[in-house]
């Protein structure tokens, strides 16, 4: 089994999830069970699935969970855009978070490629 703490992409995903929680604190209260909840779940899905994949024994199983994490990066990317378009995120926050999620997506894709 792998130790997820040894993966830079897990670390970046963990920090990204913390950052999402920080930025979504100011989202409208009526969105608590809407986009706020959805973007938080998708953001935490990234490091959660990396960690779960590390607990699996085979490269194929690891890759399966990395692919789920990669899917979550695309979901977050859309949720960030929607949050920006709705005025919940200012431009600098949107650009910062969008750059971070795209970096994580690229790192995941490279890691997945090494397993095939």
PDB file of N, CA and C in Angstrom:
ATOM      1  N   UNK A   1       0.832  -1.183   0.000  1.00  0.00           N
ATOM      2  CA  UNK A   1       0.000   0.000   0.000  1.00  0.00           C
ATOM      3  C   UNK A   1       0.875   1.245   0.000  1.00  0.00           C
ATOM      4  N   UNK A   2       0.319   2.288  -0.566  1.00  0.00           N
ATOM      5  CA  UNK A   2       1.034   3.556  -0.669  1.00  0.00           C
ATOM      6  C   UNK A   2       0.645   4.473   0.488  1.00  0.00           C
ATOM      7  N   UNK A   3       1.511   5.419   0.807  1.00  0.00           N
ATOM      8  CA  UNK A   3       1.204   6.440   1.804  1.00  0.00           C
ATOM      9  C   UNK A   3       0.827   7.716   1.055  1.00  0.00           C
ATOM     10  N   UNK A   4      -0.441   8.114   1.151  1.00  0.00           N
ATOM     11  CA  UNK A   4      -0.905   9.280   0.397  1.00  0.00           C
ATOM     12  C   UNK A   4      -0.160  10.556   0.772  1.00  0.00           C
ATOM     13  N   UNK A   5       0.397  10.612   1.979  1.00  0.00           N
ATOM     14  CA  UNK A   5       1.156  11.792   2.395  1.00  0.00           C
ATOM     15  C   UNK A   5       2.390  12.024   1.514  1.00  0.00           C
ATOM     16  N   UNK A   6       2.836  10.985   0.825  1.00  0.00           N
ATOM     17  CA  UNK A   6       4.019  11.088  -0.024  1.00  0.00           C
ATOM     18  C   UNK A   6       3.726  11.655  -1.409  1.00  0.00           C
ATOM     19  N   UNK A   7       2.470  11.933  -1.712  1.00  0.00           N
ATOM     20  CA  UNK A   7       2.094  12.420  -3.040  1.00  0.00           C
ATOM     21  C   UNK A   7       1.829  13.916  -3.004  1.00  0.00           C
ATOM     22  N   UNK A   8       2.600  14.657  -3.801  1.00  0.00           N
ATOM     23  CA  UNK A   8       2.441  16.112  -3.884  1.00  0.00           C
ATOM     24  C   UNK A   8       1.033  16.482  -4.344  1.00  0.00           C
ATOM     25  N   UNK A   9       0.454  15.690  -5.229  1.00  0.00           N
ATOM     26  CA  UNK A   9      -0.890  15.982  -5.715  1.00  0.00           C
ATOM     27  C   UNK A   9      -1.923  15.852  -4.594  1.00  0.00           C
ATOM     28  N   UNK A  10      -1.707  14.910  -3.673  1.00  0.00           N
ATOM     29  CA  UNK A  10      -2.614  14.821  -2.523  1.00  0.00           C
ATOM     30  C   UNK A  10      -2.477  16.086  -1.672  1.00  0.00           C
ATOM     31  N   UNK A  11      -1.235  16.501  -1.419  1.00  0.00           N
ATOM     32  CA  UNK A  11      -0.997  17.699  -0.607  1.00  0.00           C
ATOM     33  C   UNK A  11      -1.663  18.927  -1.227  1.00  0.00           C
ATOM     34  N   UNK A  12      -1.500  19.075  -2.536  1.00  0.00           N
ATOM     35  CA  UNK A  12      -2.126  20.210  -3.223  1.00  0.00           C
ATOM     36  C   UNK A  12      -3.650  20.103  -3.181  1.00  0.00           C
ATOM     37  N   UNK A  13      -4.175  18.896  -3.327  1.00  0.00           N
ATOM     38  CA  UNK A  13      -5.614  18.694  -3.238  1.00  0.00           C
ATOM     39  C   UNK A  13      -6.153  19.009  -1.854  1.00  0.00           C
ATOM     40  N   UNK A  14      -5.413  18.610  -0.828  1.00  0.00           N
ATOM     41  CA  UNK A  14      -5.807  18.893   0.556  1.00  0.00           C
ATOM     42  C   UNK A  14      -5.829  20.405   0.805  1.00  0.00           C
ATOM     43  N   UNK A  15      -4.776  21.089   0.388  1.00  0.00           N
ATOM     44  CA  UNK A  15      -4.710  22.539   0.555  1.00  0.00           C
ATOM     45  C   UNK A  15      -5.804  23.243  -0.250  1.00  0.00           C
ATOM     46  N   UNK A  16      -6.092  22.714  -1.435  1.00  0.00           N
ATOM     47  CA  UNK A  16      -7.148  23.292  -2.267  1.00  0.00           C
ATOM     48  C   UNK A  16      -8.499  23.171  -1.560  1.00  0.00           C
ATOM     49  N   UNK A  17      -8.776  22.015  -0.985  1.00  0.00           N
ATOM     50  CA  UNK A  17     -10.044  21.821  -0.271  1.00  0.00           C
ATOM     51  C   UNK A  17     -10.156  22.807   0.895  1.00  0.00           C
ATOM     52  N   UNK A  18      -9.074  23.000   1.630  1.00  0.00           N
ATOM     53  CA  UNK A  18      -9.084  23.975   2.722  1.00  0.00           C
ATOM     54  C   UNK A  18      -9.367  25.380   2.190  1.00  0.00           C
ATOM     55  N   UNK A  19      -8.767  25.695   1.052  1.00  0.00           N
ATOM     56  CA  UNK A  19      -8.961  27.002   0.430  1.00  0.00           C
ATOM     57  C   UNK A  19     -10.407  27.194  -0.037  1.00  0.00           C
ATOM     58  N   UNK A  20     -11.006  26.130  -0.550  1.00  0.00           N
ATOM     59  CA  UNK A  20     -12.414  26.204  -0.971  1.00  0.00           C
ATOM     60  C   UNK A  20     -13.302  26.508   0.228  1.00  0.00           C
ATOM     61  N   UNK A  21     -13.052  25.849   1.347  1.00  0.00           N
ATOM     62  CA  UNK A  21     -13.839  26.134   2.550  1.00  0.00           C
ATOM     63  C   UNK A  21     -13.700  27.600   2.956  1.00  0.00           C
ATOM     64  N   UNK A  22     -12.485  28.123   2.868  1.00  0.00           N
ATOM     65  CA  UNK A  22     -12.245  29.527   3.231  1.00  0.00           C
ATOM     66  C   UNK A  22     -13.031  30.462   2.310  1.00  0.00           C
ATOM     67  N   UNK A  23     -12.955  30.208   1.015  1.00  0.00           N
ATOM     68  CA  UNK A  23     -13.613  31.092   0.053  1.00  0.00           C
ATOM     69  C   UNK A  23     -15.135  30.965   0.064  1.00  0.00           C
ATOM     70  N   UNK A  24     -15.657  29.813   0.407  1.00  0.00           N
ATOM     71  CA  UNK A  24     -17.115  29.633   0.354  1.00  0.00           C
ATOM     72  C   UNK A  24     -17.813  30.086   1.635  1.00  0.00           C
ATOM     73  N   UNK A  25     -17.050  30.459   2.662  1.00  0.00           N
ATOM     74  CA  UNK A  25     -17.669  30.972   3.889  1.00  0.00           C
ATOM     75  C   UNK A  25     -18.510  32.211   3.622  1.00  0.00           C
ATOM     76  N   UNK A  26     -18.137  32.973   2.616  1.00  0.00           N
ATOM     77  CA  UNK A  26     -18.848  34.216   2.314  1.00  0.00           C
ATOM     78  C   UNK A  26     -19.967  34.035   1.278  1.00  0.00           C
ATOM     79  N   UNK A  27     -20.172  32.815   0.808  1.00  0.00           N
ATOM     80  CA  UNK A  27     -21.259  32.572  -0.145  1.00  0.00           C
ATOM     81  C   UNK A  27     -22.594  32.848   0.558  1.00  0.00           C
ATOM     82  N   UNK A  28     -23.622  33.201  -0.208  1.00  0.00           N
ATOM     83  CA  UNK A  28     -24.926  33.488   0.410  1.00  0.00           C
ATOM     84  C   UNK A  28     -25.435  32.309   1.244  1.00  0.00           C
ATOM     85  N   UNK A  29     -26.056  32.625   2.371  1.00  0.00           N
ATOM     86  CA  UNK A  29     -26.567  31.585   3.278  1.00  0.00           C
ATOM     87  C   UNK A  29     -27.590  30.687   2.583  1.00  0.00           C
ATOM     88  N   UNK A  30     -28.356  31.249   1.661  1.00  0.00           N
ATOM     89  CA  UNK A  30     -29.359  30.421   0.967  1.00  0.00           C
ATOM     90  C   UNK A  30     -28.719  29.392   0.033  1.00  0.00           C
ATOM     91  N   UNK A  31     -27.433  29.514  -0.194  1.00  0.00           N
ATOM     92  CA  UNK A  31     -26.704  28.556  -1.035  1.00  0.00           C
ATOM     93  C   UNK A  31     -26.002  27.470  -0.220  1.00  0.00           C
ATOM     94  N   UNK A  32     -26.194  27.482   1.105  1.00  0.00           N
ATOM     95  CA  UNK A  32     -25.509  26.516   1.961  1.00  0.00           C
ATOM     96  C   UNK A  32     -25.742  25.078   1.517  1.00  0.00           C
ATOM     97  N   UNK A  33     -26.966  24.767   1.105  1.00  0.00           N
ATOM     98  CA  UNK A  33     -27.275  23.407   0.651  1.00  0.00           C
ATOM     99  C   UNK A  33     -27.291  23.307  -0.870  1.00  0.00           C
ATOM    100  N   UNK A  34     -26.846  24.364  -1.517  1.00  0.00           N
ATOM    101  CA  UNK A  34     -26.755  24.392  -2.971  1.00  0.00           C
ATOM    102  C   UNK A  34     -25.302  24.332  -3.405  1.00  0.00           C
ATOM    103  N   UNK A  35     -24.869  25.396  -4.065  1.00  0.00           N
ATOM    104  CA  UNK A  35     -23.521  25.388  -4.644  1.00  0.00           C
ATOM    105  C   UNK A  35     -22.428  25.321  -3.576  1.00  0.00           C
ATOM    106  N   UNK A  36     -22.666  25.903  -2.402  1.00  0.00           N
ATOM    107  CA  UNK A  36     -21.643  25.845  -1.343  1.00  0.00           C
ATOM    108  C   UNK A  36     -21.346  24.399  -0.973  1.00  0.00           C
ATOM    109  N   UNK A  37     -22.395  23.643  -0.717  1.00  0.00           N
ATOM    110  CA  UNK A  37     -22.233  22.234  -0.367  1.00  0.00           C
ATOM    111  C   UNK A  37     -21.626  21.447  -1.518  1.00  0.00           C
ATOM    112  N   UNK A  38     -22.094  21.709  -2.728  1.00  0.00           N
ATOM    113  CA  UNK A  38     -21.640  20.957  -3.895  1.00  0.00           C
ATOM    114  C   UNK A  38     -20.153  21.176  -4.178  1.00  0.00           C
ATOM    115  N   UNK A  39     -19.702  22.413  -4.152  1.00  0.00           N
ATOM    116  CA  UNK A  39     -18.293  22.686  -4.459  1.00  0.00           C
ATOM    117  C   UNK A  39     -17.389  22.155  -3.343  1.00  0.00           C
ATOM    118  N   UNK A  40     -17.867  22.211  -2.107  1.00  0.00           N
ATOM    119  CA  UNK A  40     -17.079  21.649  -1.004  1.00  0.00           C
ATOM    120  C   UNK A  40     -16.959  20.133  -1.135  1.00  0.00           C
ATOM    121  N   UNK A  41     -18.050  19.468  -1.475  1.00  0.00           N
ATOM    122  CA  UNK A  41     -18.001  18.007  -1.641  1.00  0.00           C
ATOM    123  C   UNK A  41     -17.075  17.618  -2.785  1.00  0.00           C
ATOM    124  N   UNK A  42     -17.172  18.337  -3.901  1.00  0.00           N
ATOM    125  CA  UNK A  42     -16.320  18.012  -5.049  1.00  0.00           C
ATOM    126  C   UNK A  42     -14.848  18.276  -4.734  1.00  0.00           C
ATOM    127  N   UNK A  43     -14.568  19.377  -4.034  1.00  0.00           N
ATOM    128  CA  UNK A  43     -13.177  19.716  -3.700  1.00  0.00           C
ATOM    129  C   UNK A  43     -12.583  18.690  -2.740  1.00  0.00           C
ATOM    130  N   UNK A  44     -13.360  18.267  -1.750  1.00  0.00           N
ATOM    131  CA  UNK A  44     -12.832  17.277  -0.801  1.00  0.00           C
ATOM    132  C   UNK A  44     -12.734  15.896  -1.423  1.00  0.00           C
ATOM    133  N   UNK A  45     -13.517  15.650  -2.452  1.00  0.00           N
ATOM    134  CA  UNK A  45     -13.458  14.370  -3.152  1.00  0.00           C
ATOM    135  C   UNK A  45     -12.071  14.120  -3.754  1.00  0.00           C
ATOM    136  N   UNK A  46     -11.379  15.180  -4.088  1.00  0.00           N
ATOM    137  CA  UNK A  46     -10.066  15.042  -4.730  1.00  0.00           C
ATOM    138  C   UNK A  46      -9.056  14.389  -3.777  1.00  0.00           C
ATOM    139  N   UNK A  47      -8.741  14.999  -2.634  1.00  0.00           N
ATOM    140  CA  UNK A  47      -7.783  14.329  -1.747  1.00  0.00           C
ATOM    141  C   UNK A  47      -8.337  13.049  -1.133  1.00  0.00           C
ATOM    142  N   UNK A  48      -9.663  12.985  -0.915  1.00  0.00           N
ATOM    143  CA  UNK A  48     -10.256  11.756  -0.362  1.00  0.00           C
ATOM    144  C   UNK A  48     -10.016  10.574  -1.287  1.00  0.00           C
ATOM    145  N   UNK A  49     -10.237  10.760  -2.590  1.00  0.00           N
ATOM    146  CA  UNK A  49     -10.072   9.653  -3.532  1.00  0.00           C
ATOM    147  C   UNK A  49      -8.613   9.302  -3.756  1.00  0.00           C
ATOM    148  N   UNK A  50      -7.733  10.289  -3.694  1.00  0.00           N
ATOM    149  CA  UNK A  50      -6.301   9.984  -3.778  1.00  0.00           C
ATOM    150  C   UNK A  50      -5.908   9.113  -2.578  1.00  0.00           C
ATOM    151  N   UNK A  51      -6.341   9.513  -1.394  1.00  0.00           N
ATOM    152  CA  UNK A  51      -6.026   8.746  -0.186  1.00  0.00           C
ATOM    153  C   UNK A  51      -6.626   7.342  -0.258  1.00  0.00           C
ATOM    154  N   UNK A  52      -7.883   7.236  -0.701  1.00  0.00           N
ATOM    155  CA  UNK A  52      -8.506   5.916  -0.784  1.00  0.00           C
ATOM    156  C   UNK A  52      -7.771   5.032  -1.793  1.00  0.00           C
ATOM    157  N   UNK A  53      -7.400   5.599  -2.919  1.00  0.00           N
ATOM    158  CA  UNK A  53      -6.654   4.833  -3.916  1.00  0.00           C
ATOM    159  C   UNK A  53      -5.330   4.321  -3.382  1.00  0.00           C
ATOM    160  N   UNK A  54      -4.698   5.128  -2.536  1.00  0.00           N
ATOM    161  CA  UNK A  54      -3.423   4.700  -1.938  1.00  0.00           C
ATOM    162  C   UNK A  54      -3.608   3.490  -1.034  1.00  0.00           C
ATOM    163  N   UNK A  55      -4.797   3.312  -0.526  1.00  0.00           N
ATOM    164  CA  UNK A  55      -5.068   2.169   0.340  1.00  0.00           C
ATOM    165  C   UNK A  55      -5.365   0.890  -0.422  1.00  0.00           C
ATOM    166  N   UNK A  56      -5.417   0.976  -1.730  1.00  0.00           N
ATOM    167  CA  UNK A  56      -5.667  -0.211  -2.555  1.00  0.00           C
ATOM    168  C   UNK A  56      -4.359  -0.868  -2.942  1.00  0.00           C
ATOM    169  N   UNK A  57      -4.436  -2.127  -3.292  1.00  0.00           N
ATOM    170  CA  UNK A  57      -3.215  -2.900  -3.508  1.00  0.00           C
ATOM    171  C   UNK A  57      -2.653  -2.843  -4.926  1.00  0.00           C
ATOM    172  N   UNK A  58      -3.492  -2.667  -5.901  1.00  0.00           N
ATOM    173  CA  UNK A  58      -2.992  -2.732  -7.280  1.00  0.00           C
ATOM    174  C   UNK A  58      -2.927  -1.343  -7.923  1.00  0.00           C
ATOM    175  N   UNK A  59      -2.083  -1.253  -8.947  1.00  0.00           N
ATOM    176  CA  UNK A  59      -1.989  -0.017  -9.723  1.00  0.00           C
ATOM    177  C   UNK A  59      -3.328   0.303 -10.389  1.00  0.00           C
ATOM    178  N   UNK A  60      -4.027  -0.730 -10.849  1.00  0.00           N
ATOM    179  CA  UNK A  60      -5.319  -0.516 -11.518  1.00  0.00           C
ATOM    180  C   UNK A  60      -6.335   0.099 -10.558  1.00  0.00           C
ATOM    181  N   UNK A  61      -6.364  -0.403  -9.335  1.00  0.00           N
ATOM    182  CA  UNK A  61      -7.292   0.159  -8.351  1.00  0.00           C
ATOM    183  C   UNK A  61      -6.890   1.593  -7.995  1.00  0.00           C
ATOM    184  N   UNK A  62      -5.602   1.835  -7.836  1.00  0.00           N
ATOM    185  CA  UNK A  62      -5.107   3.173  -7.558  1.00  0.00           C
ATOM    186  C   UNK A  62      -5.526   4.125  -8.676  1.00  0.00           C
ATOM    187  N   UNK A  63      -5.308   3.691  -9.920  1.00  0.00           N
ATOM    188  CA  UNK A  63      -5.669   4.516 -11.079  1.00  0.00           C
ATOM    189  C   UNK A  63      -7.171   4.800 -11.116  1.00  0.00           C
ATOM    190  N   UNK A  64      -7.986   3.819 -10.733  1.00  0.00           N
ATOM    191  CA  UNK A  64      -9.443   3.998 -10.703  1.00  0.00           C
ATOM    192  C   UNK A  64      -9.820   5.175  -9.798  1.00  0.00           C
ATOM    193  N   UNK A  65      -9.243   5.222  -8.609  1.00  0.00           N
ATOM    194  CA  UNK A  65      -9.566   6.302  -7.672  1.00  0.00           C
ATOM    195  C   UNK A  65      -8.947   7.634  -8.103  1.00  0.00           C
ATOM    196  N   UNK A  66      -7.801   7.582  -8.757  1.00  0.00           N
ATOM    197  CA  UNK A  66      -7.222   8.812  -9.301  1.00  0.00           C
ATOM    198  C   UNK A  66      -8.112   9.376 -10.400  1.00  0.00           C
ATOM    199  N   UNK A  67      -8.721   8.502 -11.185  1.00  0.00           N
ATOM    200  CA  UNK A  67      -9.645   8.954 -12.230  1.00  0.00           C
ATOM    201  C   UNK A  67     -10.887   9.606 -11.629  1.00  0.00           C
ATOM    202  N   UNK A  68     -11.368   9.089 -10.526  1.00  0.00           N
ATOM    203  CA  UNK A  68     -12.505   9.726  -9.849  1.00  0.00           C
ATOM    204  C   UNK A  68     -12.082  11.118  -9.364  1.00  0.00           C
ATOM    205  N   UNK A  69     -10.902  11.206  -8.776  1.00  0.00           N
ATOM    206  CA  UNK A  69     -10.387  12.505  -8.324  1.00  0.00           C
ATOM    207  C   UNK A  69     -10.267  13.474  -9.498  1.00  0.00           C
ATOM    208  N   UNK A  70      -9.775  12.979 -10.635  1.00  0.00           N
ATOM    209  CA  UNK A  70      -9.640  13.827 -11.819  1.00  0.00           C
ATOM    210  C   UNK A  70     -11.009  14.315 -12.300  1.00  0.00           C
ATOM    211  N   UNK A  71     -12.007  13.451 -12.242  1.00  0.00           N
ATOM    212  CA  UNK A  71     -13.358  13.877 -12.599  1.00  0.00           C
ATOM    213  C   UNK A  71     -13.845  14.985 -11.689  1.00  0.00           C
ATOM    214  N   UNK A  72     -13.508  14.885 -10.427  1.00  0.00           N
ATOM    215  CA  UNK A  72     -13.904  15.918  -9.470  1.00  0.00           C
ATOM    216  C   UNK A  72     -13.243  17.259  -9.782  1.00  0.00           C
ATOM    217  N   UNK A  73     -12.045  17.239 -10.366  1.00  0.00           N
ATOM    218  CA  UNK A  73     -11.405  18.509 -10.728  1.00  0.00           C
ATOM    219  C   UNK A  73     -12.205  19.229 -11.798  1.00  0.00           C
ATOM    220  N   UNK A  74     -12.757  18.476 -12.744  1.00  0.00           N
ATOM    221  CA  UNK A  74     -13.587  19.096 -13.784  1.00  0.00           C
ATOM    222  C   UNK A  74     -14.885  19.636 -13.199  1.00  0.00           C
ATOM    223  N   UNK A  75     -15.450  18.893 -12.265  1.00  0.00           N
ATOM    224  CA  UNK A  75     -16.663  19.367 -11.598  1.00  0.00           C
ATOM    225  C   UNK A  75     -16.382  20.670 -10.861  1.00  0.00           C
ATOM    226  N   UNK A  76     -15.298  20.716 -10.115  1.00  0.00           N
ATOM    227  CA  UNK A  76     -14.945  21.932  -9.377  1.00  0.00           C
ATOM    228  C   UNK A  76     -14.706  23.094 -10.338  1.00  0.00           C
ATOM    229  N   UNK A  77     -14.062  22.814 -11.448  1.00  0.00           N
ATOM    230  CA  UNK A  77     -13.785  23.857 -12.435  1.00  0.00           C
ATOM    231  C   UNK A  77     -15.083  24.535 -12.884  1.00  0.00           C
ATOM    232  N   UNK A  78     -16.105  23.748 -13.151  1.00  0.00           N
ATOM    233  CA  UNK A  78     -17.410  24.309 -13.548  1.00  0.00           C
ATOM    234  C   UNK A  78     -18.065  25.047 -12.382  1.00  0.00           C
ATOM    235  N   UNK A  79     -17.970  24.496 -11.194  1.00  0.00           N
ATOM    236  CA  UNK A  79     -18.576  25.146 -10.018  1.00  0.00           C
ATOM    237  C   UNK A  79     -17.898  26.477  -9.701  1.00  0.00           C
ATOM    238  N   UNK A  80     -16.602  26.560  -9.939  1.00  0.00           N
ATOM    239  CA  UNK A  80     -15.899  27.828  -9.759  1.00  0.00           C
ATOM    240  C   UNK A  80     -16.402  28.866 -10.753  1.00  0.00           C
ATOM    241  N   UNK A  81     -16.544  28.456 -12.005  1.00  0.00           N
ATOM    242  CA  UNK A  81     -17.030  29.372 -13.034  1.00  0.00           C
ATOM    243  C   UNK A  81     -18.447  29.854 -12.706  1.00  0.00           C
ATOM    244  N   UNK A  82     -19.309  28.936 -12.300  1.00  0.00           N
ATOM    245  CA  UNK A  82     -20.672  29.307 -11.933  1.00  0.00           C
ATOM    246  C   UNK A  82     -20.663  30.260 -10.737  1.00  0.00           C
ATOM    247  N   UNK A  83     -19.834  29.969  -9.746  1.00  0.00           N
ATOM    248  CA  UNK A  83     -19.736  30.837  -8.571  1.00  0.00           C
ATOM    249  C   UNK A  83     -19.271  32.235  -8.951  1.00  0.00           C
ATOM    250  N   UNK A  84     -18.321  32.315  -9.861  1.00  0.00           N
ATOM    251  CA  UNK A  84     -17.834  33.606 -10.343  1.00  0.00           C
ATOM    252  C   UNK A  84     -18.938  34.335 -11.108  1.00  0.00           C
ATOM    253  N   UNK A  85     -19.589  33.620 -12.028  1.00  0.00           N
ATOM    254  CA  UNK A  85     -20.650  34.238 -12.832  1.00  0.00           C
ATOM    255  C   UNK A  85     -21.828  34.708 -11.984  1.00  0.00           C
ATOM    256  N   UNK A  86     -22.078  34.027 -10.871  1.00  0.00           N
ATOM    257  CA  UNK A  86     -23.157  34.435  -9.962  1.00  0.00           C
ATOM    258  C   UNK A  86     -22.731  35.554  -9.010  1.00  0.00           C
ATOM    259  N   UNK A  87     -21.449  35.916  -9.047  1.00  0.00           N
ATOM    260  CA  UNK A  87     -20.942  36.987  -8.203  1.00  0.00           C
ATOM    261  C   UNK A  87     -20.553  36.552  -6.798  1.00  0.00           C
ATOM    262  N   UNK A  88     -20.425  35.236  -6.593  1.00  0.00           N
ATOM    263  CA  UNK A  88     -20.040  34.721  -5.276  1.00  0.00           C
ATOM    264  C   UNK A  88     -18.530  34.773  -5.068  1.00  0.00           C
ATOM    265  N   UNK A  89     -17.778  34.777  -6.158  1.00  0.00           N
ATOM    266  CA  UNK A  89     -16.316  34.880  -6.112  1.00  0.00           C
ATOM    267  C   UNK A  89     -15.894  36.110  -6.895  1.00  0.00           C
ATOM    268  N   UNK A  90     -14.929  36.856  -6.362  1.00  0.00           N
ATOM    269  CA  UNK A  90     -14.396  37.965  -7.147  1.00  0.00           C
ATOM    270  C   UNK A  90     -13.400  37.412  -8.168  1.00  0.00           C
ATOM    271  N   UNK A  91     -12.975  38.250  -9.082  1.00  0.00           N
ATOM    272  CA  UNK A  91     -12.128  37.789 -10.181  1.00  0.00           C
ATOM    273  C   UNK A  91     -10.797  37.218  -9.696  1.00  0.00           C
ATOM    274  N   UNK A  92     -10.158  37.877  -8.728  1.00  0.00           N
ATOM    275  CA  UNK A  92      -8.847  37.378  -8.283  1.00  0.00           C
ATOM    276  C   UNK A  92      -8.983  36.031  -7.578  1.00  0.00           C
ATOM    277  N   UNK A  93     -10.022  35.850  -6.778  1.00  0.00           N
ATOM    278  CA  UNK A  93     -10.247  34.555  -6.115  1.00  0.00           C
ATOM    279  C   UNK A  93     -10.544  33.477  -7.142  1.00  0.00           C
ATOM    280  N   UNK A  94     -11.388  33.811  -8.115  1.00  0.00           N
ATOM    281  CA  UNK A  94     -11.712  32.847  -9.165  1.00  0.00           C
ATOM    282  C   UNK A  94     -10.446  32.409  -9.905  1.00  0.00           C
ATOM    283  N   UNK A  95      -9.629  33.378 -10.320  1.00  0.00           N
ATOM    284  CA  UNK A  95      -8.420  33.046 -11.078  1.00  0.00           C
ATOM    285  C   UNK A  95      -7.442  32.220 -10.242  1.00  0.00           C
ATOM    286  N   UNK A  96      -7.283  32.572  -8.974  1.00  0.00           N
ATOM    287  CA  UNK A  96      -6.397  31.818  -8.074  1.00  0.00           C
ATOM    288  C   UNK A  96      -6.862  30.369  -7.940  1.00  0.00           C
ATOM    289  N   UNK A  97      -8.144  30.182  -7.668  1.00  0.00           N
ATOM    290  CA  UNK A  97      -8.690  28.828  -7.484  1.00  0.00           C
ATOM    291  C   UNK A  97      -8.687  28.047  -8.790  1.00  0.00           C
ATOM    292  N   UNK A  98      -9.002  28.718  -9.890  1.00  0.00           N
ATOM    293  CA  UNK A  98      -9.024  28.040 -11.187  1.00  0.00           C
ATOM    294  C   UNK A  98      -7.619  27.580 -11.587  1.00  0.00           C
ATOM    295  N   UNK A  99      -6.616  28.421 -11.346  1.00  0.00           N
ATOM    296  CA  UNK A  99      -5.230  28.009 -11.628  1.00  0.00           C
ATOM    297  C   UNK A  99      -4.849  26.795 -10.786  1.00  0.00           C
ATOM    298  N   UNK A 100      -5.238  26.816  -9.509  1.00  0.00           N
ATOM    299  CA  UNK A 100      -4.900  25.704  -8.617  1.00  0.00           C
ATOM    300  C   UNK A 100      -5.561  24.407  -9.061  1.00  0.00           C
ATOM    301  N   UNK A 101      -6.837  24.467  -9.447  1.00  0.00           N
ATOM    302  CA  UNK A 101      -7.532  23.231  -9.834  1.00  0.00           C
ATOM    303  C   UNK A 101      -6.966  22.699 -11.144  1.00  0.00           C
ATOM    304  N   UNK A 102      -6.563  23.574 -12.035  1.00  0.00           N
ATOM    305  CA  UNK A 102      -5.963  23.104 -13.289  1.00  0.00           C
ATOM    306  C   UNK A 102      -4.586  22.485 -13.069  1.00  0.00           C
ATOM    307  N   UNK A 103      -3.844  23.003 -12.102  1.00  0.00           N
ATOM    308  CA  UNK A 103      -2.556  22.396 -11.753  1.00  0.00           C
ATOM    309  C   UNK A 103      -2.770  20.995 -11.173  1.00  0.00           C
ATOM    310  N   UNK A 104      -3.749  20.857 -10.301  1.00  0.00           N
ATOM    311  CA  UNK A 104      -4.056  19.551  -9.710  1.00  0.00           C
ATOM    312  C   UNK A 104      -4.509  18.575 -10.791  1.00  0.00           C
ATOM    313  N   UNK A 105      -5.345  19.038 -11.697  1.00  0.00           N
ATOM    314  CA  UNK A 105      -5.823  18.184 -12.796  1.00  0.00           C
ATOM    315  C   UNK A 105      -4.645  17.674 -13.625  1.00  0.00           C
ATOM    316  N   UNK A 106      -3.715  18.552 -13.965  1.00  0.00           N
ATOM    317  CA  UNK A 106      -2.541  18.156 -14.754  1.00  0.00           C
ATOM    318  C   UNK A 106      -1.680  17.153 -13.989  1.00  0.00           C
ATOM    319  N   UNK A 107      -1.492  17.385 -12.698  1.00  0.00           N
ATOM    320  CA  UNK A 107      -0.698  16.457 -11.878  1.00  0.00           C
ATOM    321  C   UNK A 107      -1.349  15.082 -11.811  1.00  0.00           C
ATOM    322  N   UNK A 108      -2.671  15.064 -11.648  1.00  0.00           N
ATOM    323  CA  UNK A 108      -3.384  13.778 -11.610  1.00  0.00           C
ATOM    324  C   UNK A 108      -3.252  13.040 -12.930  1.00  0.00           C
ATOM    325  N   UNK A 109      -3.411  13.764 -14.026  1.00  0.00           N
ATOM    326  CA  UNK A 109      -3.305  13.119 -15.337  1.00  0.00           C
ATOM    327  C   UNK A 109      -1.923  12.532 -15.577  1.00  0.00           C
ATOM    328  N   UNK A 110      -0.875  13.220 -15.139  1.00  0.00           N
ATOM    329  CA  UNK A 110       0.483  12.683 -15.273  1.00  0.00           C
ATOM    330  C   UNK A 110       0.660  11.436 -14.415  1.00  0.00           C
ATOM    331  N   UNK A 111       0.142  11.476 -13.200  1.00  0.00           N
ATOM    332  CA  UNK A 111       0.256  10.317 -12.305  1.00  0.00           C
ATOM    333  C   UNK A 111      -0.498   9.123 -12.889  1.00  0.00           C
ATOM    334  N   UNK A 112      -1.676   9.359 -13.403  1.00  0.00           N
ATOM    335  CA  UNK A 112      -2.481   8.273 -14.014  1.00  0.00           C
ATOM    336  C   UNK A 112      -1.726   7.652 -15.185  1.00  0.00           C
ATOM    337  N   UNK A 113      -1.090   8.505 -16.001  1.00  0.00           N
ATOM    338  CA  UNK A 113      -0.324   7.999 -17.143  1.00  0.00           C
ATOM    339  C   UNK A 113       0.800   7.085 -16.706  1.00  0.00           C
ATOM    340  N   UNK A 114       1.417   7.351 -15.569  1.00  0.00           N
ATOM    341  CA  UNK A 114       2.536   6.515 -15.115  1.00  0.00           C
ATOM    342  C   UNK A 114       2.063   5.129 -14.682  1.00  0.00           C
ATOM    343  N   UNK A 115       0.782   4.993 -14.413  1.00  0.00           N
ATOM    344  CA  UNK A 115       0.240   3.704 -13.948  1.00  0.00           C
ATOM    345  C   UNK A 115      -0.230   2.818 -15.097  1.00  0.00           C
ATOM    346  N   UNK A 116      -0.265   3.349 -16.285  1.00  0.00           N
ATOM    347  CA  UNK A 116      -0.747   2.555 -17.441  1.00  0.00           C
ATOM    348  C   UNK A 116       0.398   1.996 -18.240  1.00  0.00           C
TER     349      UNK A 116
END
